[in-house]
């Protein structure tokens, strides 16, 4: 004779009153080293970021885009990159994303003021501000 399948009994276990492995019971951070020990990341010296040599990414009429990669010196893991947009005769503009550098390259290059013009403009502004208002 075959046995009839039984319906499982509903068991209601009492909820645990406390957890033996809880952090509150152990105190502090918990973990393999105990509550007062430093973790692996805290033991490491601060990482030093090293710049790789620049490589040419894109070039147009009057501008170039260079990529400068960055790696962690200890682990040799890539950390990031920066893109420098250089218009001919201007200082580089730094971007985090290549798309942003390409978008900016489509616009006109920044205007470069001459040093002599900037110095005279500052002197004129200073003399106008220092002059009393009721003097003819």
N, C-alpha and C. Protein backbone atom coordinates (compact mmCIF):
# COMPACT_ATOMS: atom_id res chain seq x y z
N UNK A 1 0.78 -1.17 0.00
CA UNK A 1 0.00 0.00 0.00
C UNK A 1 0.85 1.26 0.00
N UNK A 2 0.39 2.24 -0.77
CA UNK A 2 1.12 3.50 -0.86
C UNK A 2 0.66 4.44 0.25
N UNK A 3 1.59 5.17 0.75
CA UNK A 3 1.27 6.12 1.82
C UNK A 3 0.62 7.37 1.23
N UNK A 4 -0.31 7.89 1.95
CA UNK A 4 -0.97 9.12 1.56
C UNK A 4 -0.04 10.30 1.86
N UNK A 5 0.08 11.29 0.95
CA UNK A 5 0.91 12.45 1.27
C UNK A 5 0.27 13.26 2.39
N UNK A 6 1.09 13.69 3.30
CA UNK A 6 0.60 14.46 4.43
C UNK A 6 0.79 15.95 4.17
N UNK A 7 -0.06 16.69 4.73
CA UNK A 7 0.12 18.14 4.67
C UNK A 7 1.13 18.53 5.73
N UNK A 8 2.05 19.44 5.37
CA UNK A 8 3.05 19.81 6.37
C UNK A 8 2.41 20.57 7.52
N UNK A 9 2.95 20.31 8.70
CA UNK A 9 2.45 21.00 9.89
C UNK A 9 3.00 22.41 9.93
N UNK A 10 2.18 23.31 10.33
CA UNK A 10 2.63 24.70 10.48
C UNK A 10 3.40 24.81 11.77
N UNK A 11 4.66 25.15 11.64
CA UNK A 11 5.49 25.29 12.84
C UNK A 11 5.66 26.77 13.10
N UNK A 12 5.48 27.11 14.29
CA UNK A 12 5.72 28.50 14.67
C UNK A 12 6.85 28.52 15.68
N UNK A 13 8.02 28.83 15.16
CA UNK A 13 9.18 28.89 16.03
C UNK A 13 9.20 30.22 16.74
N UNK A 14 9.67 30.18 17.94
CA UNK A 14 9.77 31.41 18.72
C UNK A 14 10.86 32.28 18.10
N UNK A 15 10.60 33.60 18.00
CA UNK A 15 11.64 34.47 17.43
C UNK A 15 12.87 34.51 18.34
N UNK A 16 14.01 34.65 17.68
CA UNK A 16 15.25 34.72 18.44
C UNK A 16 15.27 36.01 19.26
N UNK A 17 15.67 35.88 20.52
CA UNK A 17 15.68 37.05 21.39
C UNK A 17 16.91 37.92 21.13
N UNK A 18 18.00 37.30 20.78
CA UNK A 18 19.19 38.06 20.44
C UNK A 18 20.02 37.25 19.47
N UNK A 19 20.83 37.94 18.73
CA UNK A 19 21.68 37.31 17.74
C UNK A 19 23.08 37.22 18.31
N UNK A 20 23.63 36.03 18.34
CA UNK A 20 24.96 35.83 18.92
C UNK A 20 26.03 36.60 18.16
N UNK A 21 25.82 36.82 16.87
CA UNK A 21 26.84 37.46 16.04
C UNK A 21 26.53 38.91 15.72
N UNK A 22 25.62 39.52 16.44
CA UNK A 22 25.25 40.90 16.12
C UNK A 22 26.37 41.86 16.48
N UNK A 23 26.41 42.97 15.77
CA UNK A 23 27.44 43.97 16.02
C UNK A 23 27.25 44.62 17.38
N UNK A 24 25.99 44.78 17.78
CA UNK A 24 25.75 45.42 19.08
C UNK A 24 26.32 44.57 20.21
N UNK A 25 26.19 43.26 20.08
CA UNK A 25 26.68 42.37 21.13
C UNK A 25 28.21 42.38 21.17
N UNK A 26 28.83 42.40 19.98
CA UNK A 26 30.29 42.39 19.94
C UNK A 26 30.87 43.74 20.32
N UNK A 27 30.15 44.80 20.01
CA UNK A 27 30.67 46.13 20.30
C UNK A 27 31.56 46.62 19.17
N UNK A 28 31.54 47.89 18.94
CA UNK A 28 32.41 48.50 17.92
C UNK A 28 32.04 48.07 16.51
N UNK A 29 33.05 48.01 15.67
CA UNK A 29 32.83 47.68 14.27
C UNK A 29 32.50 46.21 14.08
N UNK A 30 33.06 45.37 14.87
CA UNK A 30 32.91 43.94 14.64
C UNK A 30 33.80 43.53 13.49
N UNK A 31 33.87 42.26 13.26
CA UNK A 31 34.69 41.79 12.16
C UNK A 31 35.77 40.87 12.67
N UNK A 32 36.59 40.34 11.79
CA UNK A 32 37.58 39.35 12.20
C UNK A 32 38.65 39.88 13.14
N UNK A 33 38.94 41.15 13.05
CA UNK A 33 40.02 41.69 13.88
C UNK A 33 39.55 42.14 15.25
N UNK A 34 38.27 42.15 15.48
CA UNK A 34 37.76 42.62 16.77
C UNK A 34 37.35 44.07 16.67
N UNK A 35 36.79 44.61 17.75
CA UNK A 35 36.22 45.95 17.67
C UNK A 35 37.25 47.07 17.55
N UNK A 36 38.43 46.92 18.09
CA UNK A 36 39.37 48.04 18.10
C UNK A 36 40.43 47.97 17.04
N UNK A 37 40.37 47.03 16.14
CA UNK A 37 41.44 46.84 15.17
C UNK A 37 41.18 47.63 13.90
N UNK A 38 42.27 47.97 13.22
CA UNK A 38 42.15 48.71 11.96
C UNK A 38 41.86 47.75 10.82
N UNK A 39 41.14 48.23 9.83
CA UNK A 39 40.85 47.43 8.65
C UNK A 39 42.01 47.46 7.68
N UNK A 40 41.88 46.69 6.62
CA UNK A 40 42.96 46.58 5.64
C UNK A 40 43.21 47.91 4.95
N UNK A 41 42.14 48.65 4.63
CA UNK A 41 42.31 49.92 3.93
C UNK A 41 42.98 50.97 4.80
N UNK A 42 42.77 50.90 6.11
CA UNK A 42 43.39 51.88 7.00
C UNK A 42 44.88 51.62 7.18
N UNK A 43 45.33 50.41 6.90
CA UNK A 43 46.75 50.08 7.03
C UNK A 43 47.55 50.53 5.82
N UNK A 44 46.87 50.70 4.70
CA UNK A 44 47.58 51.07 3.47
C UNK A 44 48.07 52.51 3.53
N UNK A 45 49.23 52.76 2.96
CA UNK A 45 49.68 54.16 2.87
C UNK A 45 48.79 54.89 1.87
N UNK A 46 48.73 56.21 1.96
CA UNK A 46 47.91 56.94 1.00
C UNK A 46 48.43 56.70 -0.42
N UNK A 47 47.49 56.51 -1.35
CA UNK A 47 47.89 56.20 -2.72
C UNK A 47 48.42 57.45 -3.41
N UNK A 48 49.35 57.23 -4.29
CA UNK A 48 49.90 58.31 -5.09
C UNK A 48 49.43 58.12 -6.53
N UNK A 49 48.90 59.18 -7.07
CA UNK A 49 48.39 59.14 -8.44
C UNK A 49 49.50 59.58 -9.38
N UNK A 50 49.70 58.80 -10.41
CA UNK A 50 50.76 59.07 -11.37
C UNK A 50 50.14 59.38 -12.72
N UNK A 51 50.61 60.43 -13.38
CA UNK A 51 50.11 60.81 -14.71
C UNK A 51 50.89 60.06 -15.78
N UNK A 52 50.19 59.51 -16.74
CA UNK A 52 50.82 58.86 -17.87
C UNK A 52 51.19 59.91 -18.91
N UNK A 53 52.06 59.60 -19.83
CA UNK A 53 52.39 60.56 -20.88
C UNK A 53 51.15 60.88 -21.72
N UNK A 54 51.02 62.11 -22.18
CA UNK A 54 49.83 62.47 -22.96
C UNK A 54 49.82 61.78 -24.33
N UNK A 55 48.62 61.47 -24.78
CA UNK A 55 48.47 60.87 -26.10
C UNK A 55 47.45 61.68 -26.89
N UNK A 56 47.70 61.85 -28.17
CA UNK A 56 46.84 62.64 -29.03
C UNK A 56 45.55 61.87 -29.31
N UNK A 57 44.41 62.51 -29.05
CA UNK A 57 43.12 61.87 -29.25
C UNK A 57 42.44 62.40 -30.50
N UNK A 58 42.43 63.72 -30.66
CA UNK A 58 41.70 64.33 -31.77
C UNK A 58 42.41 65.61 -32.17
N UNK A 59 42.27 65.97 -33.44
CA UNK A 59 42.92 67.18 -33.90
C UNK A 59 42.03 67.82 -34.96
N UNK A 60 42.00 69.15 -34.91
CA UNK A 60 41.21 69.88 -35.90
C UNK A 60 42.00 71.09 -36.36
N UNK A 61 41.31 72.01 -37.02
CA UNK A 61 41.98 73.19 -37.53
C UNK A 61 42.16 74.19 -36.39
N UNK A 62 43.38 74.28 -35.87
CA UNK A 62 43.70 75.24 -34.82
C UNK A 62 43.55 74.70 -33.41
N UNK A 63 43.26 73.40 -33.24
CA UNK A 63 43.12 72.85 -31.89
C UNK A 63 43.51 71.37 -31.88
N UNK A 64 43.90 70.89 -30.71
CA UNK A 64 44.19 69.48 -30.49
C UNK A 64 43.62 69.06 -29.13
N UNK A 65 43.29 67.78 -29.01
CA UNK A 65 42.82 67.22 -27.73
C UNK A 65 43.80 66.13 -27.33
N UNK A 66 44.32 66.24 -26.12
CA UNK A 66 45.27 65.28 -25.57
C UNK A 66 44.62 64.58 -24.39
N UNK A 67 44.86 63.28 -24.26
CA UNK A 67 44.37 62.51 -23.11
C UNK A 67 45.54 62.24 -22.18
N UNK A 68 45.34 62.51 -20.88
CA UNK A 68 46.35 62.24 -19.87
C UNK A 68 45.74 61.24 -18.90
N UNK A 69 46.19 60.00 -18.99
CA UNK A 69 45.68 58.95 -18.11
C UNK A 69 46.30 59.06 -16.74
N UNK A 70 45.57 58.57 -15.72
CA UNK A 70 46.07 58.59 -14.34
C UNK A 70 45.94 57.19 -13.76
N UNK A 71 47.02 56.71 -13.10
CA UNK A 71 47.00 55.40 -12.47
C UNK A 71 47.49 55.50 -11.04
N UNK A 72 47.07 54.54 -10.22
CA UNK A 72 47.55 54.44 -8.85
C UNK A 72 48.94 53.81 -8.90
N UNK A 73 49.90 54.44 -8.26
CA UNK A 73 51.29 53.99 -8.37
C UNK A 73 51.49 52.64 -7.69
N UNK A 74 50.79 52.37 -6.58
CA UNK A 74 50.99 51.13 -5.85
C UNK A 74 50.36 49.93 -6.56
N UNK A 75 49.10 50.06 -6.97
CA UNK A 75 48.39 48.92 -7.54
C UNK A 75 48.39 48.91 -9.06
N UNK A 76 48.83 49.99 -9.68
CA UNK A 76 48.84 50.15 -11.14
C UNK A 76 47.43 50.07 -11.72
N UNK A 77 46.44 50.36 -10.91
CA UNK A 77 45.05 50.36 -11.37
C UNK A 77 44.72 51.73 -11.96
N UNK A 78 43.93 51.75 -13.05
CA UNK A 78 43.55 53.05 -13.61
C UNK A 78 42.64 53.81 -12.67
N UNK A 79 42.92 55.10 -12.51
CA UNK A 79 42.14 55.95 -11.61
C UNK A 79 41.22 56.86 -12.41
N UNK A 80 41.65 57.31 -13.56
CA UNK A 80 40.83 58.19 -14.37
C UNK A 80 41.66 58.80 -15.48
N UNK A 81 41.09 59.81 -16.11
CA UNK A 81 41.78 60.50 -17.19
C UNK A 81 41.27 61.92 -17.26
N UNK A 82 42.09 62.78 -17.83
CA UNK A 82 41.65 64.14 -18.11
C UNK A 82 42.00 64.45 -19.56
N UNK A 83 41.19 65.29 -20.15
CA UNK A 83 41.36 65.64 -21.55
C UNK A 83 41.68 67.13 -21.64
N UNK A 84 42.75 67.44 -22.35
CA UNK A 84 43.17 68.83 -22.49
C UNK A 84 42.92 69.29 -23.92
N UNK A 85 42.11 70.33 -24.04
CA UNK A 85 41.84 70.95 -25.33
C UNK A 85 42.79 72.14 -25.44
N UNK A 86 43.62 72.13 -26.47
CA UNK A 86 44.61 73.19 -26.64
C UNK A 86 44.37 73.88 -27.97
N UNK A 87 43.95 75.14 -27.88
CA UNK A 87 43.85 75.97 -29.07
C UNK A 87 45.23 76.53 -29.35
N UNK A 88 45.57 76.74 -30.61
CA UNK A 88 46.89 77.26 -30.97
C UNK A 88 47.13 78.60 -30.30
N UNK A 89 48.22 78.71 -29.54
CA UNK A 89 48.59 79.96 -28.89
C UNK A 89 47.86 80.22 -27.59
N UNK A 90 47.12 79.24 -27.04
CA UNK A 90 46.36 79.44 -25.80
C UNK A 90 46.76 78.37 -24.78
N UNK A 91 46.43 78.64 -23.52
CA UNK A 91 46.64 77.66 -22.47
C UNK A 91 45.63 76.53 -22.62
N UNK A 92 45.96 75.32 -22.12
CA UNK A 92 45.02 74.21 -22.27
C UNK A 92 43.77 74.38 -21.39
N UNK A 93 42.64 73.91 -21.91
CA UNK A 93 41.40 73.83 -21.16
C UNK A 93 41.23 72.37 -20.75
N UNK A 94 40.99 72.12 -19.45
CA UNK A 94 40.96 70.75 -18.93
C UNK A 94 39.51 70.31 -18.77
N UNK A 95 39.22 69.07 -19.24
CA UNK A 95 37.89 68.47 -19.15
C UNK A 95 38.00 67.07 -18.59
N UNK A 96 36.92 66.62 -17.95
CA UNK A 96 36.87 65.25 -17.43
C UNK A 96 36.40 64.26 -18.49
N UNK A 97 35.65 64.74 -19.47
CA UNK A 97 35.07 63.86 -20.48
C UNK A 97 35.48 64.30 -21.87
N UNK A 98 35.72 63.32 -22.73
CA UNK A 98 36.12 63.61 -24.10
C UNK A 98 35.01 64.33 -24.85
N UNK A 99 33.77 63.95 -24.61
CA UNK A 99 32.64 64.60 -25.29
C UNK A 99 32.57 66.08 -24.98
N UNK A 100 32.86 66.45 -23.73
CA UNK A 100 32.84 67.86 -23.35
C UNK A 100 33.95 68.63 -24.07
N UNK A 101 35.11 68.01 -24.20
CA UNK A 101 36.22 68.67 -24.89
C UNK A 101 35.91 68.83 -26.37
N UNK A 102 35.30 67.81 -26.98
CA UNK A 102 34.95 67.91 -28.41
C UNK A 102 33.87 68.97 -28.64
N UNK A 103 32.90 69.05 -27.72
CA UNK A 103 31.86 70.08 -27.86
C UNK A 103 32.47 71.47 -27.78
N UNK A 104 33.40 71.67 -26.85
CA UNK A 104 34.04 72.99 -26.68
C UNK A 104 34.92 73.32 -27.88
N UNK A 105 35.50 72.30 -28.52
CA UNK A 105 36.38 72.56 -29.67
C UNK A 105 35.60 73.12 -30.86
N UNK A 106 34.28 72.86 -30.91
CA UNK A 106 33.46 73.37 -32.01
C UNK A 106 33.18 74.86 -31.87
N UNK A 107 33.33 75.37 -30.65
CA UNK A 107 33.12 76.80 -30.41
C UNK A 107 34.39 77.57 -30.76
N UNK A 108 34.28 78.89 -30.73
CA UNK A 108 35.43 79.74 -31.04
C UNK A 108 36.45 79.67 -29.91
N UNK A 109 37.73 79.83 -30.23
CA UNK A 109 38.75 79.82 -29.18
C UNK A 109 38.57 81.01 -28.24
N UNK A 110 39.02 80.87 -27.00
CA UNK A 110 38.87 81.98 -26.06
C UNK A 110 39.72 83.17 -26.49
N UNK A 111 39.25 84.36 -26.18
CA UNK A 111 39.99 85.57 -26.53
C UNK A 111 41.12 85.75 -25.54
N UNK A 112 42.25 86.14 -26.06
CA UNK A 112 43.41 86.33 -25.20
C UNK A 112 43.70 87.82 -25.12
N UNK A 113 43.62 88.38 -23.90
CA UNK A 113 43.90 89.80 -23.71
C UNK A 113 45.41 90.00 -23.58
N UNK A 114 45.87 91.10 -24.09
CA UNK A 114 47.29 91.41 -23.97
C UNK A 114 47.57 91.90 -22.56
N UNK A 115 48.77 91.64 -22.08
CA UNK A 115 49.14 92.00 -20.72
C UNK A 115 49.09 93.51 -20.52
N UNK A 116 49.52 94.28 -21.47
CA UNK A 116 49.54 95.74 -21.36
C UNK A 116 48.13 96.31 -21.25
N UNK A 117 47.18 95.76 -22.02
CA UNK A 117 45.81 96.25 -21.97
C UNK A 117 45.17 95.95 -20.62
N UNK A 118 45.43 94.79 -20.07
CA UNK A 118 44.84 94.41 -18.78
C UNK A 118 45.38 95.30 -17.68
N UNK A 119 46.67 95.60 -17.71
CA UNK A 119 47.28 96.43 -16.67
C UNK A 119 46.71 97.85 -16.70
N UNK A 120 46.54 98.42 -17.89
CA UNK A 120 46.00 99.79 -17.96
C UNK A 120 44.54 99.82 -17.56
N UNK A 121 43.76 98.78 -17.88
CA UNK A 121 42.35 98.72 -17.47
C UNK A 121 42.23 98.69 -15.95
N UNK A 122 43.09 97.94 -15.30
CA UNK A 122 43.05 97.86 -13.83
C UNK A 122 43.42 99.20 -13.21
N UNK A 123 44.40 99.91 -13.80
CA UNK A 123 44.80 101.22 -13.27
C UNK A 123 43.67 102.23 -13.43
N UNK A 124 42.99 102.22 -14.57
CA UNK A 124 41.88 103.15 -14.78
C UNK A 124 40.74 102.88 -13.79
N UNK A 125 40.43 101.62 -13.54
CA UNK A 125 39.36 101.27 -12.59
C UNK A 125 39.73 101.73 -11.19
N UNK A 126 40.99 101.59 -10.82
CA UNK A 126 41.42 101.97 -9.48
C UNK A 126 41.37 103.49 -9.31
N UNK A 127 41.74 104.25 -10.33
CA UNK A 127 41.74 105.72 -10.19
C UNK A 127 40.31 106.26 -10.17
N UNK A 128 39.38 105.64 -10.89
CA UNK A 128 37.99 106.10 -10.88
C UNK A 128 37.35 105.84 -9.53
N UNK A 129 37.65 104.71 -8.91
CA UNK A 129 37.07 104.37 -7.62
C UNK A 129 37.64 105.24 -6.50
N UNK A 130 38.93 105.60 -6.59
CA UNK A 130 39.59 106.37 -5.54
C UNK A 130 39.23 107.85 -5.57
N UNK A 131 38.79 108.36 -6.71
CA UNK A 131 38.50 109.79 -6.83
C UNK A 131 37.23 110.13 -6.07
N UNK A 132 37.22 111.27 -5.34
CA UNK A 132 36.00 111.68 -4.65
C UNK A 132 34.92 112.06 -5.64
N UNK A 133 33.66 111.84 -5.26
CA UNK A 133 32.55 112.06 -6.18
C UNK A 133 32.24 113.55 -6.40
N UNK A 134 32.47 114.43 -5.40
CA UNK A 134 32.10 115.84 -5.54
C UNK A 134 33.21 116.71 -6.11
N UNK A 135 34.32 116.14 -6.54
CA UNK A 135 35.40 116.93 -7.15
C UNK A 135 35.06 117.18 -8.62
N UNK A 136 35.28 118.43 -9.12
CA UNK A 136 35.00 118.73 -10.53
C UNK A 136 36.07 118.22 -11.45
